[in-house]
Amino acid sequence: MGIKINRKNKFYVNQFVEMHNHPFVWQEYTHMLHSQRKIYLSQAIEVDLVKESRISLKFSYQLLGRQTGGREILLDIQNKIR
């Protein structure tokens, strides 16, 4: 899409190509999309239990990372802990 400004200082689209020329999101980054970042109720309960047990953030992060099978979703879990 190309945008220009006219003599009256108004912006206008002077060029538009409907076809998108790159992937929207690379496959390895799809887990970072807001629509893909979810915490299940069971995970939220575990986060609350870990917090109530006064386990440090470092160890709770390791524990929950092992339980979930990866660190991709731990951004949301870590935000809930904090």
N, C-alpha and C. Protein backbone atom coordinates (compact mmCIF):
# COMPACT_ATOMS: atom_id res chain seq x y z
N MET A 1 0.85 -1.16 0.00
CA MET A 1 0.00 0.00 0.00
C MET A 1 0.90 1.23 0.00
N GLY A 2 0.57 2.15 -0.84
CA GLY A 2 1.30 3.41 -0.89
C GLY A 2 0.41 4.55 -0.48
N ILE A 3 0.95 5.47 0.30
CA ILE A 3 0.18 6.61 0.78
C ILE A 3 0.93 7.88 0.41
N LYS A 4 0.19 8.87 -0.04
CA LYS A 4 0.77 10.18 -0.37
C LYS A 4 -0.07 11.27 0.29
N ILE A 5 0.47 12.46 0.25
CA ILE A 5 -0.25 13.61 0.79
C ILE A 5 -0.51 14.57 -0.38
N ASN A 6 -1.71 15.13 -0.42
CA ASN A 6 -2.04 16.04 -1.51
C ASN A 6 -1.75 17.48 -1.11
N ARG A 7 -2.12 18.39 -1.99
CA ARG A 7 -1.83 19.82 -1.75
C ARG A 7 -2.60 20.41 -0.58
N LYS A 8 -3.70 19.77 -0.21
CA LYS A 8 -4.51 20.24 0.92
C LYS A 8 -4.12 19.54 2.23
N ASN A 9 -2.93 18.93 2.24
CA ASN A 9 -2.41 18.21 3.40
C ASN A 9 -3.32 17.07 3.86
N LYS A 10 -3.94 16.42 2.90
CA LYS A 10 -4.78 15.24 3.17
C LYS A 10 -4.04 14.01 2.64
N PHE A 11 -4.07 12.95 3.42
CA PHE A 11 -3.45 11.70 2.99
C PHE A 11 -4.42 10.90 2.11
N TYR A 12 -3.87 10.20 1.15
CA TYR A 12 -4.68 9.33 0.31
C TYR A 12 -3.86 8.12 -0.13
N VAL A 13 -4.55 7.03 -0.38
CA VAL A 13 -3.90 5.81 -0.86
C VAL A 13 -3.72 5.94 -2.35
N ASN A 14 -2.46 5.89 -2.80
CA ASN A 14 -2.20 6.02 -4.23
C ASN A 14 -1.88 4.67 -4.88
N GLN A 15 -1.64 3.65 -4.08
CA GLN A 15 -1.34 2.33 -4.62
C GLN A 15 -1.81 1.28 -3.62
N PHE A 16 -2.46 0.24 -4.11
CA PHE A 16 -2.93 -0.82 -3.22
C PHE A 16 -2.84 -2.16 -3.96
N VAL A 17 -2.14 -3.11 -3.36
CA VAL A 17 -2.04 -4.46 -3.91
C VAL A 17 -2.72 -5.39 -2.92
N GLU A 18 -3.80 -6.02 -3.35
CA GLU A 18 -4.61 -6.83 -2.44
C GLU A 18 -3.89 -8.09 -1.98
N MET A 19 -3.03 -8.65 -2.82
CA MET A 19 -2.32 -9.88 -2.46
C MET A 19 -1.27 -9.58 -1.37
N HIS A 20 -1.28 -10.37 -0.31
CA HIS A 20 -0.30 -10.21 0.76
C HIS A 20 0.99 -10.88 0.34
N ASN A 21 2.14 -10.24 0.54
CA ASN A 21 3.38 -10.75 -0.02
C ASN A 21 4.32 -11.41 0.99
N HIS A 22 3.84 -11.68 2.19
CA HIS A 22 4.64 -12.41 3.18
C HIS A 22 3.70 -13.12 4.14
N PRO A 23 4.19 -14.16 4.82
CA PRO A 23 3.31 -14.85 5.78
C PRO A 23 2.93 -13.92 6.93
N PHE A 24 1.74 -14.08 7.41
CA PHE A 24 1.30 -13.24 8.53
C PHE A 24 2.15 -13.48 9.77
N VAL A 25 2.34 -14.74 10.13
CA VAL A 25 3.14 -15.10 11.30
C VAL A 25 3.90 -16.37 10.97
N TRP A 26 5.18 -16.39 11.29
CA TRP A 26 5.98 -17.60 11.10
C TRP A 26 5.45 -18.68 12.04
N GLN A 27 5.49 -19.91 11.60
CA GLN A 27 4.93 -21.03 12.35
C GLN A 27 5.52 -21.13 13.76
N GLU A 28 6.82 -20.88 13.90
CA GLU A 28 7.45 -21.02 15.22
C GLU A 28 7.06 -19.91 16.20
N TYR A 29 6.35 -18.88 15.72
CA TYR A 29 5.94 -17.79 16.60
C TYR A 29 4.43 -17.74 16.84
N THR A 30 3.69 -18.70 16.31
CA THR A 30 2.24 -18.65 16.47
C THR A 30 1.81 -18.77 17.93
N HIS A 31 2.61 -19.44 18.75
CA HIS A 31 2.24 -19.58 20.17
C HIS A 31 2.27 -18.24 20.89
N MET A 32 2.88 -17.23 20.30
CA MET A 32 2.95 -15.91 20.94
C MET A 32 1.74 -15.04 20.62
N LEU A 33 0.92 -15.45 19.68
CA LEU A 33 -0.28 -14.69 19.35
C LEU A 33 -1.24 -14.68 20.54
N HIS A 34 -1.89 -13.56 20.73
CA HIS A 34 -2.82 -13.44 21.86
C HIS A 34 -3.90 -14.52 21.82
N SER A 35 -4.36 -14.83 20.63
CA SER A 35 -5.42 -15.82 20.50
C SER A 35 -4.96 -17.23 20.88
N GLN A 36 -3.66 -17.47 20.87
CA GLN A 36 -3.13 -18.79 21.19
C GLN A 36 -2.62 -18.90 22.62
N ARG A 37 -2.56 -17.79 23.32
CA ARG A 37 -2.00 -17.77 24.67
C ARG A 37 -3.13 -17.96 25.68
N LYS A 38 -3.30 -19.19 26.13
CA LYS A 38 -4.38 -19.51 27.04
C LYS A 38 -3.85 -20.31 28.22
N ILE A 39 -4.47 -20.10 29.36
CA ILE A 39 -4.17 -20.89 30.54
C ILE A 39 -5.42 -21.68 30.87
N TYR A 40 -5.26 -22.98 31.00
CA TYR A 40 -6.38 -23.82 31.36
C TYR A 40 -6.68 -23.66 32.85
N LEU A 41 -7.91 -23.95 33.25
CA LEU A 41 -8.31 -23.81 34.64
C LEU A 41 -7.42 -24.62 35.56
N SER A 42 -7.06 -25.84 35.16
CA SER A 42 -6.19 -26.67 35.99
C SER A 42 -4.82 -26.02 36.18
N GLN A 43 -4.30 -25.36 35.14
CA GLN A 43 -3.02 -24.68 35.26
C GLN A 43 -3.12 -23.47 36.18
N ALA A 44 -4.23 -22.76 36.10
CA ALA A 44 -4.42 -21.60 36.97
C ALA A 44 -4.51 -22.03 38.43
N ILE A 45 -5.15 -23.15 38.69
CA ILE A 45 -5.24 -23.67 40.06
C ILE A 45 -3.85 -24.06 40.56
N GLU A 46 -3.06 -24.71 39.69
CA GLU A 46 -1.70 -25.08 40.08
C GLU A 46 -0.85 -23.85 40.36
N VAL A 47 -1.02 -22.82 39.57
CA VAL A 47 -0.28 -21.58 39.80
C VAL A 47 -0.63 -21.02 41.17
N ASP A 48 -1.92 -21.00 41.49
CA ASP A 48 -2.34 -20.50 42.80
C ASP A 48 -1.78 -21.36 43.93
N LEU A 49 -1.76 -22.68 43.76
CA LEU A 49 -1.20 -23.56 44.79
C LEU A 49 0.30 -23.33 44.98
N VAL A 50 1.00 -23.15 43.87
CA VAL A 50 2.44 -22.88 43.95
C VAL A 50 2.68 -21.57 44.67
N LYS A 51 1.88 -20.57 44.34
CA LYS A 51 2.03 -19.25 44.98
C LYS A 51 1.75 -19.33 46.48
N GLU A 52 0.69 -20.05 46.85
CA GLU A 52 0.34 -20.20 48.26
C GLU A 52 1.39 -21.00 49.03
N SER A 53 2.11 -21.87 48.34
CA SER A 53 3.14 -22.68 48.98
C SER A 53 4.45 -21.92 49.15
N ARG A 54 4.49 -20.70 48.64
CA ARG A 54 5.65 -19.82 48.75
C ARG A 54 6.89 -20.39 48.07
N ILE A 55 6.68 -21.11 46.99
CA ILE A 55 7.79 -21.60 46.18
C ILE A 55 8.30 -20.42 45.36
N SER A 56 9.62 -20.29 45.25
CA SER A 56 10.18 -19.14 44.53
C SER A 56 9.74 -19.14 43.07
N LEU A 57 9.79 -17.97 42.46
CA LEU A 57 9.38 -17.82 41.07
C LEU A 57 10.22 -18.71 40.15
N LYS A 58 11.51 -18.81 40.43
CA LYS A 58 12.40 -19.62 39.61
C LYS A 58 11.98 -21.08 39.63
N PHE A 59 11.75 -21.63 40.81
CA PHE A 59 11.38 -23.04 40.92
C PHE A 59 9.96 -23.30 40.42
N SER A 60 9.06 -22.37 40.66
CA SER A 60 7.70 -22.56 40.15
C SER A 60 7.69 -22.52 38.63
N TYR A 61 8.53 -21.69 38.03
CA TYR A 61 8.66 -21.62 36.57
C TYR A 61 9.17 -22.96 36.02
N GLN A 62 10.19 -23.52 36.69
CA GLN A 62 10.72 -24.82 36.26
C GLN A 62 9.67 -25.92 36.42
N LEU A 63 8.99 -25.94 37.54
CA LEU A 63 7.98 -26.96 37.81
C LEU A 63 6.86 -26.91 36.77
N LEU A 64 6.32 -25.73 36.53
CA LEU A 64 5.22 -25.59 35.59
C LEU A 64 5.68 -25.84 34.16
N GLY A 65 6.92 -25.50 33.86
CA GLY A 65 7.46 -25.78 32.53
C GLY A 65 7.54 -27.28 32.27
N ARG A 66 7.93 -28.03 33.25
CA ARG A 66 7.99 -29.50 33.10
C ARG A 66 6.59 -30.09 33.00
N GLN A 67 5.65 -29.56 33.74
CA GLN A 67 4.29 -30.11 33.72
C GLN A 67 3.59 -29.83 32.40
N THR A 68 3.86 -28.67 31.81
CA THR A 68 3.17 -28.32 30.57
C THR A 68 3.84 -28.90 29.34
N GLY A 69 5.06 -29.36 29.50
CA GLY A 69 5.77 -29.94 28.36
C GLY A 69 6.49 -28.91 27.52
N GLY A 70 6.59 -27.71 27.97
CA GLY A 70 7.31 -26.68 27.21
C GLY A 70 7.19 -25.33 27.86
N ARG A 71 8.05 -24.44 27.44
CA ARG A 71 8.07 -23.11 28.03
C ARG A 71 7.27 -22.09 27.24
N GLU A 72 6.68 -22.53 26.11
CA GLU A 72 5.99 -21.57 25.25
C GLU A 72 4.83 -20.87 25.95
N ILE A 73 4.05 -21.61 26.72
CA ILE A 73 2.88 -20.99 27.35
C ILE A 73 3.19 -20.39 28.72
N LEU A 74 4.43 -20.50 29.14
CA LEU A 74 4.77 -20.03 30.48
C LEU A 74 4.77 -18.51 30.60
N LEU A 75 4.73 -17.78 29.51
CA LEU A 75 4.62 -16.33 29.61
C LEU A 75 3.34 -15.94 30.32
N ASP A 76 2.24 -16.56 29.95
CA ASP A 76 0.96 -16.27 30.61
C ASP A 76 0.95 -16.78 32.04
N ILE A 77 1.52 -17.95 32.24
CA ILE A 77 1.56 -18.52 33.60
C ILE A 77 2.41 -17.63 34.50
N GLN A 78 3.54 -17.17 33.98
CA GLN A 78 4.42 -16.30 34.77
C GLN A 78 3.71 -14.98 35.10
N ASN A 79 2.94 -14.45 34.16
CA ASN A 79 2.20 -13.23 34.44
C ASN A 79 1.16 -13.46 35.54
N LYS A 80 0.53 -14.64 35.55
CA LYS A 80 -0.45 -14.93 36.58
C LYS A 80 0.21 -15.04 37.95
N ILE A 81 1.41 -15.65 38.00
CA ILE A 81 2.14 -15.77 39.26
C ILE A 81 2.45 -14.42 39.83
N ARG A 82 2.91 -13.51 38.96
CA ARG A 82 3.29 -12.16 39.43
C ARG A 82 2.06 -11.38 39.82
